[in-house]
């Protein structure tokens, strides 16, 4: 293998390590258990990480400026599991929460949650 082949191999390994690090990266507290990994766009959703998580479905449908730093893209199922744990920790029975709300965002240039390179990201048009 020549010098060019070694450089290509090293580049591929570095890219693979970066992708793996991003897939398993977690967002800041209190989301220490919320994953960002995904396979398809529908695995991801926008959430408000500054919400009071002792309340049913808190942060689930962000309001206001979706472009702000408190609105992040996360794995939908991981966030739902996180929310149920937070509700249970306050002594509330999660069964009383009902079904999660359907988030509808109006506006031509609203950010969306997408799965990019196996990681949920907020895409701002």
PDB file of N, CA and C in Angstrom:
ATOM      1  N   UNK A   1       0.853  -1.163   0.000  1.00  0.00           N
ATOM      2  CA  UNK A   1       0.000   0.000   0.000  1.00  0.00           C
ATOM      3  C   UNK A   1       0.906   1.235   0.000  1.00  0.00           C
ATOM      4  N   UNK A   2       0.649   2.101  -0.909  1.00  0.00           N
ATOM      5  CA  UNK A   2       1.465   3.296  -1.038  1.00  0.00           C
ATOM      6  C   UNK A   2       1.055   4.379  -0.058  1.00  0.00           C
ATOM      7  N   UNK A   3       1.768   5.477  -0.118  1.00  0.00           N
ATOM      8  CA  UNK A   3       1.520   6.613   0.774  1.00  0.00           C
ATOM      9  C   UNK A   3       0.088   7.146   0.623  1.00  0.00           C
ATOM     10  N   UNK A   4      -0.399   7.200  -0.623  1.00  0.00           N
ATOM     11  CA  UNK A   4      -1.749   7.691  -0.875  1.00  0.00           C
ATOM     12  C   UNK A   4      -2.788   6.773  -0.227  1.00  0.00           C
ATOM     13  N   UNK A   5      -2.577   5.472  -0.306  1.00  0.00           N
ATOM     14  CA  UNK A   5      -3.492   4.501   0.300  1.00  0.00           C
ATOM     15  C   UNK A   5      -3.534   4.618   1.808  1.00  0.00           C
ATOM     16  N   UNK A   6      -2.388   4.869   2.426  1.00  0.00           N
ATOM     17  CA  UNK A   6      -2.327   5.027   3.882  1.00  0.00           C
ATOM     18  C   UNK A   6      -3.080   6.291   4.304  1.00  0.00           C
ATOM     19  N   UNK A   7      -2.899   7.387   3.560  1.00  0.00           N
ATOM     20  CA  UNK A   7      -3.603   8.630   3.877  1.00  0.00           C
ATOM     21  C   UNK A   7      -5.115   8.465   3.752  1.00  0.00           C
ATOM     22  N   UNK A   8      -5.548   7.748   2.738  1.00  0.00           N
ATOM     23  CA  UNK A   8      -6.984   7.503   2.557  1.00  0.00           C
ATOM     24  C   UNK A   8      -7.515   6.664   3.715  1.00  0.00           C
ATOM     25  N   UNK A   9      -6.792   5.639   4.104  1.00  0.00           N
ATOM     26  CA  UNK A   9      -7.206   4.781   5.213  1.00  0.00           C
ATOM     27  C   UNK A   9      -7.303   5.579   6.508  1.00  0.00           C
ATOM     28  N   UNK A  10      -6.312   6.407   6.783  1.00  0.00           N
ATOM     29  CA  UNK A  10      -6.314   7.220   7.998  1.00  0.00           C
ATOM     30  C   UNK A  10      -7.489   8.196   7.974  1.00  0.00           C
ATOM     31  N   UNK A  11      -7.759   8.812   6.842  1.00  0.00           N
ATOM     32  CA  UNK A  11      -8.877   9.741   6.715  1.00  0.00           C
ATOM     33  C   UNK A  11     -10.198   9.041   6.994  1.00  0.00           C
ATOM     34  N   UNK A  12     -10.372   7.858   6.443  1.00  0.00           N
ATOM     35  CA  UNK A  12     -11.606   7.093   6.659  1.00  0.00           C
ATOM     36  C   UNK A  12     -11.766   6.743   8.137  1.00  0.00           C
ATOM     37  N   UNK A  13     -10.692   6.335   8.787  1.00  0.00           N
ATOM     38  CA  UNK A  13     -10.757   6.001  10.212  1.00  0.00           C
ATOM     39  C   UNK A  13     -11.116   7.219  11.059  1.00  0.00           C
ATOM     40  N   UNK A  14     -10.529   8.362  10.756  1.00  0.00           N
ATOM     41  CA  UNK A  14     -10.825   9.586  11.507  1.00  0.00           C
ATOM     42  C   UNK A  14     -12.289   9.976  11.341  1.00  0.00           C
ATOM     43  N   UNK A  15     -12.797   9.918  10.130  1.00  0.00           N
ATOM     44  CA  UNK A  15     -14.205  10.239   9.874  1.00  0.00           C
ATOM     45  C   UNK A  15     -15.109   9.270  10.627  1.00  0.00           C
ATOM     46  N   UNK A  16     -14.791   7.990  10.609  1.00  0.00           N
ATOM     47  CA  UNK A  16     -15.594   6.982  11.311  1.00  0.00           C
ATOM     48  C   UNK A  16     -15.616   7.254  12.811  1.00  0.00           C
ATOM     49  N   UNK A  17     -14.500   7.613  13.385  1.00  0.00           N
ATOM     50  CA  UNK A  17     -14.428   7.912  14.823  1.00  0.00           C
ATOM     51  C   UNK A  17     -15.271   9.137  15.155  1.00  0.00           C
ATOM     52  N   UNK A  18     -15.206  10.153  14.324  1.00  0.00           N
ATOM     53  CA  UNK A  18     -15.996  11.371  14.564  1.00  0.00           C
ATOM     54  C   UNK A  18     -17.488  11.060  14.494  1.00  0.00           C
ATOM     55  N   UNK A  19     -17.901  10.296  13.490  1.00  0.00           N
ATOM     56  CA  UNK A  19     -19.317   9.939  13.350  1.00  0.00           C
ATOM     57  C   UNK A  19     -19.787   9.144  14.567  1.00  0.00           C
ATOM     58  N   UNK A  20     -19.007   8.170  15.006  1.00  0.00           N
ATOM     59  CA  UNK A  20     -19.394   7.381  16.179  1.00  0.00           C
ATOM     60  C   UNK A  20     -19.485   8.249  17.429  1.00  0.00           C
ATOM     61  N   UNK A  21     -18.560   9.169  17.585  1.00  0.00           N
ATOM     62  CA  UNK A  21     -18.594  10.068  18.741  1.00  0.00           C
ATOM     63  C   UNK A  21     -19.851  10.923  18.715  1.00  0.00           C
ATOM     64  N   UNK A  22     -20.238  11.411  17.551  1.00  0.00           N
ATOM     65  CA  UNK A  22     -21.439  12.238  17.441  1.00  0.00           C
ATOM     66  C   UNK A  22     -22.706  11.440  17.684  1.00  0.00           C
ATOM     67  N   UNK A  23     -22.750  10.205  17.209  1.00  0.00           N
ATOM     68  CA  UNK A  23     -23.942   9.365  17.382  1.00  0.00           C
ATOM     69  C   UNK A  23     -24.198   9.092  18.848  1.00  0.00           C
ATOM     70  N   UNK A  24     -23.164   8.851  19.605  1.00  0.00           N
ATOM     71  CA  UNK A  24     -23.337   8.514  21.012  1.00  0.00           C
ATOM     72  C   UNK A  24     -23.205   9.705  21.946  1.00  0.00           C
ATOM     73  N   UNK A  25     -23.052  10.898  21.363  1.00  0.00           N
ATOM     74  CA  UNK A  25     -22.983  12.123  22.155  1.00  0.00           C
ATOM     75  C   UNK A  25     -24.325  12.366  22.826  1.00  0.00           C
ATOM     76  N   UNK A  26     -24.285  12.907  23.981  1.00  0.00           N
ATOM     77  CA  UNK A  26     -25.520  13.247  24.692  1.00  0.00           C
ATOM     78  C   UNK A  26     -25.573  14.750  24.883  1.00  0.00           C
ATOM     79  N   UNK A  27     -26.793  15.301  24.979  1.00  0.00           N
ATOM     80  CA  UNK A  27     -26.898  16.740  25.177  1.00  0.00           C
ATOM     81  C   UNK A  27     -26.821  17.070  26.658  1.00  0.00           C
ATOM     82  N   UNK A  28     -26.600  18.360  26.973  1.00  0.00           N
ATOM     83  CA  UNK A  28     -26.314  18.759  28.344  1.00  0.00           C
ATOM     84  C   UNK A  28     -27.452  18.484  29.316  1.00  0.00           C
ATOM     85  N   UNK A  29     -27.134  18.597  30.589  1.00  0.00           N
ATOM     86  CA  UNK A  29     -28.062  18.320  31.679  1.00  0.00           C
ATOM     87  C   UNK A  29     -29.319  19.154  31.516  1.00  0.00           C
ATOM     88  N   UNK A  30     -30.488  18.708  31.946  1.00  0.00           N
ATOM     89  CA  UNK A  30     -30.746  17.448  32.618  1.00  0.00           C
ATOM     90  C   UNK A  30     -30.992  16.289  31.667  1.00  0.00           C
ATOM     91  N   UNK A  31     -30.622  16.417  30.444  1.00  0.00           N
ATOM     92  CA  UNK A  31     -30.864  15.387  29.435  1.00  0.00           C
ATOM     93  C   UNK A  31     -29.796  14.304  29.406  1.00  0.00           C
ATOM     94  N   UNK A  32     -29.197  13.960  30.522  1.00  0.00           N
ATOM     95  CA  UNK A  32     -28.081  13.024  30.491  1.00  0.00           C
ATOM     96  C   UNK A  32     -28.431  11.649  29.935  1.00  0.00           C
ATOM     97  N   UNK A  33     -29.710  11.321  29.834  1.00  0.00           N
ATOM     98  CA  UNK A  33     -30.103  10.024  29.282  1.00  0.00           C
ATOM     99  C   UNK A  33     -30.767  10.123  27.911  1.00  0.00           C
ATOM    100  N   UNK A  34     -30.839  11.325  27.346  1.00  0.00           N
ATOM    101  CA  UNK A  34     -31.507  11.496  26.054  1.00  0.00           C
ATOM    102  C   UNK A  34     -30.496  11.318  24.926  1.00  0.00           C
ATOM    103  N   UNK A  35     -30.789  10.386  24.047  1.00  0.00           N
ATOM    104  CA  UNK A  35     -29.893  10.096  22.932  1.00  0.00           C
ATOM    105  C   UNK A  35     -30.220  10.972  21.726  1.00  0.00           C
ATOM    106  N   UNK A  36     -29.223  11.138  20.882  1.00  0.00           N
ATOM    107  CA  UNK A  36     -29.378  11.887  19.642  1.00  0.00           C
ATOM    108  C   UNK A  36     -29.330  10.972  18.427  1.00  0.00           C
ATOM    109  N   UNK A  37     -29.054   9.693  18.627  1.00  0.00           N
ATOM    110  CA  UNK A  37     -28.901   8.773  17.499  1.00  0.00           C
ATOM    111  C   UNK A  37     -30.236   8.525  16.804  1.00  0.00           C
ATOM    112  N   UNK A  38     -30.179   8.216  15.506  1.00  0.00           N
ATOM    113  CA  UNK A  38     -31.381   7.994  14.713  1.00  0.00           C
ATOM    114  C   UNK A  38     -31.046   7.169  13.478  1.00  0.00           C
ATOM    115  N   UNK A  39     -32.085   6.679  12.836  1.00  0.00           N
ATOM    116  CA  UNK A  39     -31.930   5.976  11.563  1.00  0.00           C
ATOM    117  C   UNK A  39     -32.666   6.716  10.447  1.00  0.00           C
ATOM    118  N   UNK A  40     -33.810   7.331  10.797  1.00  0.00           N
ATOM    119  CA  UNK A  40     -34.621   8.072   9.825  1.00  0.00           C
ATOM    120  C   UNK A  40     -35.130   9.353  10.477  1.00  0.00           C
ATOM    121  N   UNK A  41     -35.593  10.308   9.660  1.00  0.00           N
ATOM    122  CA  UNK A  41     -36.078  11.595  10.173  1.00  0.00           C
ATOM    123  C   UNK A  41     -37.167  11.442  11.230  1.00  0.00           C
ATOM    124  N   UNK A  42     -38.050  10.464  11.071  1.00  0.00           N
ATOM    125  CA  UNK A  42     -39.157  10.306  12.014  1.00  0.00           C
ATOM    126  C   UNK A  42     -38.691   9.861  13.398  1.00  0.00           C
ATOM    127  N   UNK A  43     -37.435   9.471  13.559  1.00  0.00           N
ATOM    128  CA  UNK A  43     -36.880   9.141  14.873  1.00  0.00           C
ATOM    129  C   UNK A  43     -36.612  10.400  15.688  1.00  0.00           C
ATOM    130  N   UNK A  44     -36.604  11.571  15.040  1.00  0.00           N
ATOM    131  CA  UNK A  44     -36.179  12.815  15.680  1.00  0.00           C
ATOM    132  C   UNK A  44     -37.341  13.767  15.922  1.00  0.00           C
ATOM    133  N   UNK A  45     -37.177  14.623  16.926  1.00  0.00           N
ATOM    134  CA  UNK A  45     -38.155  15.672  17.184  1.00  0.00           C
ATOM    135  C   UNK A  45     -37.459  16.846  17.863  1.00  0.00           C
ATOM    136  N   UNK A  46     -38.068  18.019  17.747  1.00  0.00           N
ATOM    137  CA  UNK A  46     -37.579  19.202  18.443  1.00  0.00           C
ATOM    138  C   UNK A  46     -38.173  19.222  19.842  1.00  0.00           C
ATOM    139  N   UNK A  47     -37.366  19.572  20.837  1.00  0.00           N
ATOM    140  CA  UNK A  47     -37.841  19.697  22.211  1.00  0.00           C
ATOM    141  C   UNK A  47     -37.239  20.948  22.838  1.00  0.00           C
ATOM    142  N   UNK A  48     -37.891  21.413  23.897  1.00  0.00           N
ATOM    143  CA  UNK A  48     -37.397  22.565  24.649  1.00  0.00           C
ATOM    144  C   UNK A  48     -36.662  22.042  25.872  1.00  0.00           C
ATOM    145  N   UNK A  49     -35.339  22.155  25.879  1.00  0.00           N
ATOM    146  CA  UNK A  49     -34.554  21.585  26.971  1.00  0.00           C
ATOM    147  C   UNK A  49     -34.597  22.432  28.244  1.00  0.00           C
ATOM    148  N   UNK A  50     -35.297  23.581  28.224  1.00  0.00           N
ATOM    149  CA  UNK A  50     -35.397  24.414  29.421  1.00  0.00           C
ATOM    150  C   UNK A  50     -36.724  24.223  30.152  1.00  0.00           C
ATOM    151  N   UNK A  51     -37.536  23.256  29.729  1.00  0.00           N
ATOM    152  CA  UNK A  51     -38.867  23.037  30.310  1.00  0.00           C
ATOM    153  C   UNK A  51     -38.764  22.452  31.729  1.00  0.00           C
ATOM    154  N   UNK A  52     -39.878  22.546  32.470  1.00  0.00           N
ATOM    155  CA  UNK A  52     -39.991  21.940  33.795  1.00  0.00           C
ATOM    156  C   UNK A  52     -40.415  20.494  33.586  1.00  0.00           C
ATOM    157  N   UNK A  53     -39.477  19.574  33.757  1.00  0.00           N
ATOM    158  CA  UNK A  53     -39.745  18.192  33.388  1.00  0.00           C
ATOM    159  C   UNK A  53     -40.502  17.388  34.435  1.00  0.00           C
ATOM    160  N   UNK A  54     -41.066  18.041  35.425  1.00  0.00           N
ATOM    161  CA  UNK A  54     -41.916  17.341  36.375  1.00  0.00           C
ATOM    162  C   UNK A  54     -43.364  17.342  35.934  1.00  0.00           C
ATOM    163  N   UNK A  55     -43.636  17.888  34.757  1.00  0.00           N
ATOM    164  CA  UNK A  55     -44.994  18.031  34.234  1.00  0.00           C
ATOM    165  C   UNK A  55     -45.151  17.131  33.000  1.00  0.00           C
ATOM    166  N   UNK A  56     -46.313  16.542  32.843  1.00  0.00           N
ATOM    167  CA  UNK A  56     -46.556  15.663  31.699  1.00  0.00           C
ATOM    168  C   UNK A  56     -46.251  16.365  30.375  1.00  0.00           C
ATOM    169  N   UNK A  57     -45.490  15.723  29.551  1.00  0.00           N
ATOM    170  CA  UNK A  57     -45.132  16.145  28.198  1.00  0.00           C
ATOM    171  C   UNK A  57     -44.425  17.495  28.145  1.00  0.00           C
ATOM    172  N   UNK A  58     -43.773  17.870  29.228  1.00  0.00           N
ATOM    173  CA  UNK A  58     -43.031  19.133  29.261  1.00  0.00           C
ATOM    174  C   UNK A  58     -41.951  19.138  28.189  1.00  0.00           C
ATOM    175  N   UNK A  59     -41.817  20.253  27.497  1.00  0.00           N
ATOM    176  CA  UNK A  59     -40.782  20.400  26.481  1.00  0.00           C
ATOM    177  C   UNK A  59     -41.087  19.715  25.170  1.00  0.00           C
ATOM    178  N   UNK A  60     -42.206  18.993  25.128  1.00  0.00           N
ATOM    179  CA  UNK A  60     -42.504  18.151  23.970  1.00  0.00           C
ATOM    180  C   UNK A  60     -42.804  18.940  22.710  1.00  0.00           C
ATOM    181  N   UNK A  61     -43.497  20.045  22.826  1.00  0.00           N
ATOM    182  CA  UNK A  61     -43.813  20.899  21.675  1.00  0.00           C
ATOM    183  C   UNK A  61     -43.312  22.306  21.980  1.00  0.00           C
ATOM    184  N   UNK A  62     -42.079  22.613  21.621  1.00  0.00           N
ATOM    185  CA  UNK A  62     -41.529  23.939  21.938  1.00  0.00           C
ATOM    186  C   UNK A  62     -42.384  25.060  21.364  1.00  0.00           C
ATOM    187  N   UNK A  63     -42.456  26.138  22.128  1.00  0.00           N
ATOM    188  CA  UNK A  63     -43.205  27.310  21.682  1.00  0.00           C
ATOM    189  C   UNK A  63     -42.249  28.481  21.530  1.00  0.00           C
ATOM    190  N   UNK A  64     -42.697  29.509  20.865  1.00  0.00           N
ATOM    191  CA  UNK A  64     -41.867  30.700  20.708  1.00  0.00           C
ATOM    192  C   UNK A  64     -40.837  30.521  19.602  1.00  0.00           C
ATOM    193  N   UNK A  65     -39.656  31.056  19.830  1.00  0.00           N
ATOM    194  CA  UNK A  65     -38.600  31.046  18.823  1.00  0.00           C
ATOM    195  C   UNK A  65     -37.938  29.671  18.745  1.00  0.00           C
ATOM    196  N   UNK A  66     -38.295  28.915  17.729  1.00  0.00           N
ATOM    197  CA  UNK A  66     -37.730  27.570  17.563  1.00  0.00           C
ATOM    198  C   UNK A  66     -36.265  27.610  17.155  1.00  0.00           C
ATOM    199  N   UNK A  67     -35.779  28.788  16.787  1.00  0.00           N
ATOM    200  CA  UNK A  67     -34.381  28.913  16.383  1.00  0.00           C
ATOM    201  C   UNK A  67     -33.448  29.082  17.581  1.00  0.00           C
ATOM    202  N   UNK A  68     -34.002  29.338  18.753  1.00  0.00           N
ATOM    203  CA  UNK A  68     -33.208  29.598  19.947  1.00  0.00           C
ATOM    204  C   UNK A  68     -32.400  28.390  20.411  1.00  0.00           C
ATOM    205  N   UNK A  69     -31.427  28.615  21.292  1.00  0.00           N
ATOM    206  CA  UNK A  69     -30.531  27.552  21.738  1.00  0.00           C
ATOM    207  C   UNK A  69     -31.183  26.518  22.652  1.00  0.00           C
ATOM    208  N   UNK A  70     -32.357  26.844  23.242  1.00  0.00           N
ATOM    209  CA  UNK A  70     -33.014  25.869  24.113  1.00  0.00           C
ATOM    210  C   UNK A  70     -33.821  24.840  23.347  1.00  0.00           C
ATOM    211  N   UNK A  71     -34.043  25.057  22.080  1.00  0.00           N
ATOM    212  CA  UNK A  71     -34.773  24.094  21.250  1.00  0.00           C
ATOM    213  C   UNK A  71     -33.744  23.248  20.510  1.00  0.00           C
ATOM    214  N   UNK A  72     -33.779  21.942  20.796  1.00  0.00           N
ATOM    215  CA  UNK A  72     -32.791  21.030  20.239  1.00  0.00           C
ATOM    216  C   UNK A  72     -33.485  19.820  19.610  1.00  0.00           C
ATOM    217  N   UNK A  73     -32.782  19.123  18.748  1.00  0.00           N
ATOM    218  CA  UNK A  73     -33.303  17.899  18.133  1.00  0.00           C
ATOM    219  C   UNK A  73     -32.789  16.702  18.927  1.00  0.00           C
ATOM    220  N   UNK A  74     -33.706  15.788  19.251  1.00  0.00           N
ATOM    221  CA  UNK A  74     -33.350  14.589  20.016  1.00  0.00           C
ATOM    222  C   UNK A  74     -34.066  13.371  19.439  1.00  0.00           C
ATOM    223  N   UNK A  75     -33.662  12.204  19.901  1.00  0.00           N
ATOM    224  CA  UNK A  75     -34.341  10.968  19.541  1.00  0.00           C
ATOM    225  C   UNK A  75     -35.700  10.952  20.249  1.00  0.00           C
ATOM    226  N   UNK A  76     -36.759  10.793  19.488  1.00  0.00           N
ATOM    227  CA  UNK A  76     -38.141  10.871  19.992  1.00  0.00           C
ATOM    228  C   UNK A  76     -38.411   9.869  21.126  1.00  0.00           C
ATOM    229  N   UNK A  77     -38.061   8.608  20.924  1.00  0.00           N
ATOM    230  CA  UNK A  77     -38.352   7.581  21.939  1.00  0.00           C
ATOM    231  C   UNK A  77     -37.497   7.770  23.183  1.00  0.00           C
ATOM    232  N   UNK A  78     -36.255   8.167  22.997  1.00  0.00           N
ATOM    233  CA  UNK A  78     -35.378   8.410  24.137  1.00  0.00           C
ATOM    234  C   UNK A  78     -35.906   9.574  24.980  1.00  0.00           C
ATOM    235  N   UNK A  79     -36.388  10.619  24.317  1.00  0.00           N
ATOM    236  CA  UNK A  79     -36.946  11.767  25.036  1.00  0.00           C
ATOM    237  C   UNK A  79     -38.223  11.381  25.774  1.00  0.00           C
ATOM    238  N   UNK A  80     -39.050  10.576  25.143  1.00  0.00           N
ATOM    239  CA  UNK A  80     -40.293  10.147  25.791  1.00  0.00           C
ATOM    240  C   UNK A  80     -39.977   9.342  27.054  1.00  0.00           C
ATOM    241  N   UNK A  81     -39.005   8.453  26.967  1.00  0.00           N
ATOM    242  CA  UNK A  81     -38.593   7.660  28.123  1.00  0.00           C
ATOM    243  C   UNK A  81     -38.040   8.561  29.229  1.00  0.00           C
ATOM    244  N   UNK A  82     -37.217   9.528  28.856  1.00  0.00           N
ATOM    245  CA  UNK A  82     -36.663  10.503  29.801  1.00  0.00           C
ATOM    246  C   UNK A  82     -37.790  11.246  30.516  1.00  0.00           C
ATOM    247  N   UNK A  83     -38.775  11.721  29.745  1.00  0.00           N
ATOM    248  CA  UNK A  83     -39.894  12.459  30.329  1.00  0.00           C
ATOM    249  C   UNK A  83     -40.683  11.629  31.324  1.00  0.00           C
ATOM    250  N   UNK A  84     -40.913  10.362  31.003  1.00  0.00           N
ATOM    251  CA  UNK A  84     -41.660   9.487  31.908  1.00  0.00           C
ATOM    252  C   UNK A  84     -40.887   9.269  33.210  1.00  0.00           C
ATOM    253  N   UNK A  85     -39.569   9.138  33.120  1.00  0.00           N
ATOM    254  CA  UNK A  85     -38.740   8.981  34.335  1.00  0.00           C
ATOM    255  C   UNK A  85     -38.814  10.236  35.191  1.00  0.00           C
ATOM    256  N   UNK A  86     -38.775  11.412  34.560  1.00  0.00           N
ATOM    257  CA  UNK A  86     -38.839  12.670  35.304  1.00  0.00           C
ATOM    258  C   UNK A  86     -40.188  12.821  36.005  1.00  0.00           C
ATOM    259  N   UNK A  87     -41.266  12.453  35.321  1.00  0.00           N
ATOM    260  CA  UNK A  87     -42.604  12.555  35.902  1.00  0.00           C
ATOM    261  C   UNK A  87     -42.734  11.597  37.078  1.00  0.00           C
ATOM    262  N   UNK A  88     -42.243  10.374  36.918  1.00  0.00           N
ATOM    263  CA  UNK A  88     -42.297   9.379  37.984  1.00  0.00           C
ATOM    264  C   UNK A  88     -41.513   9.855  39.203  1.00  0.00           C
ATOM    265  N   UNK A  89     -40.388  10.534  38.973  1.00  0.00           N
ATOM    266  CA  UNK A  89     -39.556  11.000  40.090  1.00  0.00           C
ATOM    267  C   UNK A  89     -40.262  12.059  40.930  1.00  0.00           C
ATOM    268  N   UNK A  90     -41.294  12.708  40.402  1.00  0.00           N
ATOM    269  CA  UNK A  90     -42.045  13.708  41.166  1.00  0.00           C
ATOM    270  C   UNK A  90     -43.212  13.077  41.916  1.00  0.00           C
ATOM    271  N   UNK A  91     -43.402  11.771  41.741  1.00  0.00           N
ATOM    272  CA  UNK A  91     -44.497  11.077  42.409  1.00  0.00           C
ATOM    273  C   UNK A  91     -45.766  11.009  41.587  1.00  0.00           C
ATOM    274  N   UNK A  92     -45.725  11.513  40.365  1.00  0.00           N
ATOM    275  CA  UNK A  92     -46.886  11.476  39.479  1.00  0.00           C
ATOM    276  C   UNK A  92     -46.895  10.156  38.723  1.00  0.00           C
ATOM    277  N   UNK A  93     -48.072   9.594  38.561  1.00  0.00           N
ATOM    278  CA  UNK A  93     -48.215   8.368  37.784  1.00  0.00           C
ATOM    279  C   UNK A  93     -48.222   8.744  36.303  1.00  0.00           C
ATOM    280  N   UNK A  94     -47.236   8.273  35.512  1.00  0.00           N
ATOM    281  CA  UNK A  94     -47.187   8.634  34.084  1.00  0.00           C
ATOM    282  C   UNK A  94     -48.412   8.186  33.290  1.00  0.00           C
ATOM    283  N   UNK A  95     -49.152   7.197  33.812  1.00  0.00           N
ATOM    284  CA  UNK A  95     -50.346   6.733  33.102  1.00  0.00           C
ATOM    285  C   UNK A  95     -51.415   7.819  33.034  1.00  0.00           C
ATOM    286  N   UNK A  96     -51.339   8.806  33.915  1.00  0.00           N
ATOM    287  CA  UNK A  96     -52.331   9.883  33.929  1.00  0.00           C
ATOM    288  C   UNK A  96     -52.029  10.951  32.873  1.00  0.00           C
ATOM    289  N   UNK A  97     -50.885  10.843  32.199  1.00  0.00           N
ATOM    290  CA  UNK A  97     -50.488  11.860  31.225  1.00  0.00           C
ATOM    291  C   UNK A  97     -51.228  11.749  29.899  1.00  0.00           C
ATOM    292  N   UNK A  98     -51.747  10.587  29.591  1.00  0.00           N
ATOM    293  CA  UNK A  98     -52.410  10.401  28.301  1.00  0.00           C
ATOM    294  C   UNK A  98     -51.407  10.306  27.163  1.00  0.00           C
ATOM    295  N   UNK A  99     -51.888  10.517  25.963  1.00  0.00           N
ATOM    296  CA  UNK A  99     -51.024  10.400  24.783  1.00  0.00           C
ATOM    297  C   UNK A  99     -50.241  11.690  24.576  1.00  0.00           C
ATOM    298  N   UNK A 100     -49.053  11.596  23.961  1.00  0.00           N
ATOM    299  CA  UNK A 100     -48.277  12.817  23.723  1.00  0.00           C
ATOM    300  C   UNK A 100     -48.993  13.731  22.739  1.00  0.00           C
ATOM    301  N   UNK A 101     -48.779  15.039  22.870  1.00  0.00           N
ATOM    302  CA  UNK A 101     -49.429  15.975  21.951  1.00  0.00           C
ATOM    303  C   UNK A 101     -48.855  15.871  20.542  1.00  0.00           C
ATOM    304  N   UNK A 102     -49.647  16.300  19.576  1.00  0.00           N
ATOM    305  CA  UNK A 102     -49.171  16.389  18.198  1.00  0.00           C
ATOM    306  C   UNK A 102     -48.671  17.814  18.006  1.00  0.00           C
ATOM    307  N   UNK A 103     -47.395  17.943  17.711  1.00  0.00           N
ATOM    308  CA  UNK A 103     -46.793  19.274  17.571  1.00  0.00           C
ATOM    309  C   UNK A 103     -47.012  19.788  16.155  1.00  0.00           C
ATOM    310  N   UNK A 104     -47.565  20.980  16.056  1.00  0.00           N
ATOM    311  CA  UNK A 104     -47.768  21.606  14.753  1.00  0.00           C
ATOM    312  C   UNK A 104     -47.114  22.970  14.770  1.00  0.00           C
ATOM    313  N   UNK A 105     -46.194  23.168  13.853  1.00  0.00           N
ATOM    314  CA  UNK A 105     -45.484  24.432  13.777  1.00  0.00           C
ATOM    315  C   UNK A 105     -45.922  25.174  12.534  1.00  0.00           C
ATOM    316  N   UNK A 106     -46.303  26.421  12.752  1.00  0.00           N
ATOM    317  CA  UNK A 106     -46.716  27.240  11.624  1.00  0.00           C
ATOM    318  C   UNK A 106     -45.573  28.165  11.245  1.00  0.00           C
ATOM    319  N   UNK A 107     -45.508  28.456   9.997  1.00  0.00           N
ATOM    320  CA  UNK A 107     -44.459  29.361   9.542  1.00  0.00           C
ATOM    321  C   UNK A 107     -43.665  28.714   8.427  1.00  0.00           C
ATOM    322  N   UNK A 108     -43.325  29.511   7.468  1.00  0.00           N
ATOM    323  CA  UNK A 108     -42.619  29.003   6.295  1.00  0.00           C
ATOM    324  C   UNK A 108     -41.211  28.553   6.645  1.00  0.00           C
ATOM    325  N   UNK A 109     -40.559  29.269   7.546  1.00  0.00           N
ATOM    326  CA  UNK A 109     -39.148  28.997   7.818  1.00  0.00           C
ATOM    327  C   UNK A 109     -38.931  28.380   9.194  1.00  0.00           C
ATOM    328  N   UNK A 110     -39.820  27.479   9.615  1.00  0.00           N
ATOM    329  CA  UNK A 110     -39.653  26.845  10.918  1.00  0.00           C
ATOM    330  C   UNK A 110     -38.556  25.794  10.864  1.00  0.00           C
ATOM    331  N   UNK A 111     -37.718  25.731  11.909  1.00  0.00           N
ATOM    332  CA  UNK A 111     -36.716  24.664  11.974  1.00  0.00           C
ATOM    333  C   UNK A 111     -37.395  23.300  12.062  1.00  0.00           C
ATOM    334  N   UNK A 112     -36.697  22.280  11.652  1.00  0.00           N
ATOM    335  CA  UNK A 112     -37.203  20.910  11.728  1.00  0.00           C
ATOM    336  C   UNK A 112     -36.127  20.017  12.330  1.00  0.00           C
ATOM    337  N   UNK A 113     -36.554  18.872  12.826  1.00  0.00           N
ATOM    338  CA  UNK A 113     -35.622  17.862  13.334  1.00  0.00           C
ATOM    339  C   UNK A 113     -35.407  16.840  12.231  1.00  0.00           C
ATOM    340  N   UNK A 114     -34.173  16.595  11.897  1.00  0.00           N
ATOM    341  CA  UNK A 114     -33.827  15.651  10.832  1.00  0.00           C
ATOM    342  C   UNK A 114     -32.757  14.683  11.309  1.00  0.00           C
ATOM    343  N   UNK A 115     -32.702  13.533  10.672  1.00  0.00           N
ATOM    344  CA  UNK A 115     -31.657  12.546  10.938  1.00  0.00           C
ATOM    345  C   UNK A 115     -30.574  12.746   9.879  1.00  0.00           C
ATOM    346  N   UNK A 116     -29.419  13.237  10.308  1.00  0.00           N
ATOM    347  CA  UNK A 116     -28.301  13.494   9.414  1.00  0.00           C
ATOM    348  C   UNK A 116     -27.090  12.708   9.899  1.00  0.00           C
ATOM    349  N   UNK A 117     -26.597  11.830   9.068  1.00  0.00           N
ATOM    350  CA  UNK A 117     -25.450  10.981   9.449  1.00  0.00           C
ATOM    351  C   UNK A 117     -25.689  10.258  10.771  1.00  0.00           C
ATOM    352  N   UNK A 118     -26.883   9.706  10.910  1.00  0.00           N
ATOM    353  CA  UNK A 118     -27.282   8.904  12.067  1.00  0.00           C
ATOM    354  C   UNK A 118     -27.385   9.704  13.364  1.00  0.00           C
ATOM    355  N   UNK A 119     -27.566  11.027  13.259  1.00  0.00           N
ATOM    356  CA  UNK A 119     -27.695  11.870  14.449  1.00  0.00           C
ATOM    357  C   UNK A 119     -28.829  12.883  14.234  1.00  0.00           C
ATOM    358  N   UNK A 120     -29.684  13.048  15.247  1.00  0.00           N
ATOM    359  CA  UNK A 120     -30.747  14.044  15.167  1.00  0.00           C
ATOM    360  C   UNK A 120     -30.141  15.444  15.246  1.00  0.00           C
ATOM    361  N   UNK A 121     -30.492  16.281  14.292  1.00  0.00           N
ATOM    362  CA  UNK A 121     -30.009  17.654  14.265  1.00  0.00           C
ATOM    363  C   UNK A 121     -31.164  18.600  13.961  1.00  0.00           C
ATOM    364  N   UNK A 122     -31.067  19.817  14.475  1.00  0.00           N
ATOM    365  CA  UNK A 122     -32.058  20.852  14.165  1.00  0.00           C
ATOM    366  C   UNK A 122     -31.607  21.529  12.889  1.00  0.00           C
ATOM    367  N   UNK A 123     -32.480  21.511  11.888  1.00  0.00           N
ATOM    368  CA  UNK A 123     -32.173  22.129  10.602  1.00  0.00           C
ATOM    369  C   UNK A 123     -32.963  23.431  10.524  1.00  0.00           C
ATOM    370  N   UNK A 124     -32.232  24.536  10.426  1.00  0.00           N
ATOM    371  CA  UNK A 124     -32.855  25.856  10.342  1.00  0.00           C
ATOM    372  C   UNK A 124     -32.763  26.343   8.900  1.00  0.00           C
ATOM    373  N   UNK A 125     -33.941  26.548   8.270  1.00  0.00           N
ATOM    374  CA  UNK A 125     -33.904  26.992   6.864  1.00  0.00           C
ATOM    375  C   UNK A 125     -33.360  28.401   6.712  1.00  0.00           C
TER     376      UNK A 125
END
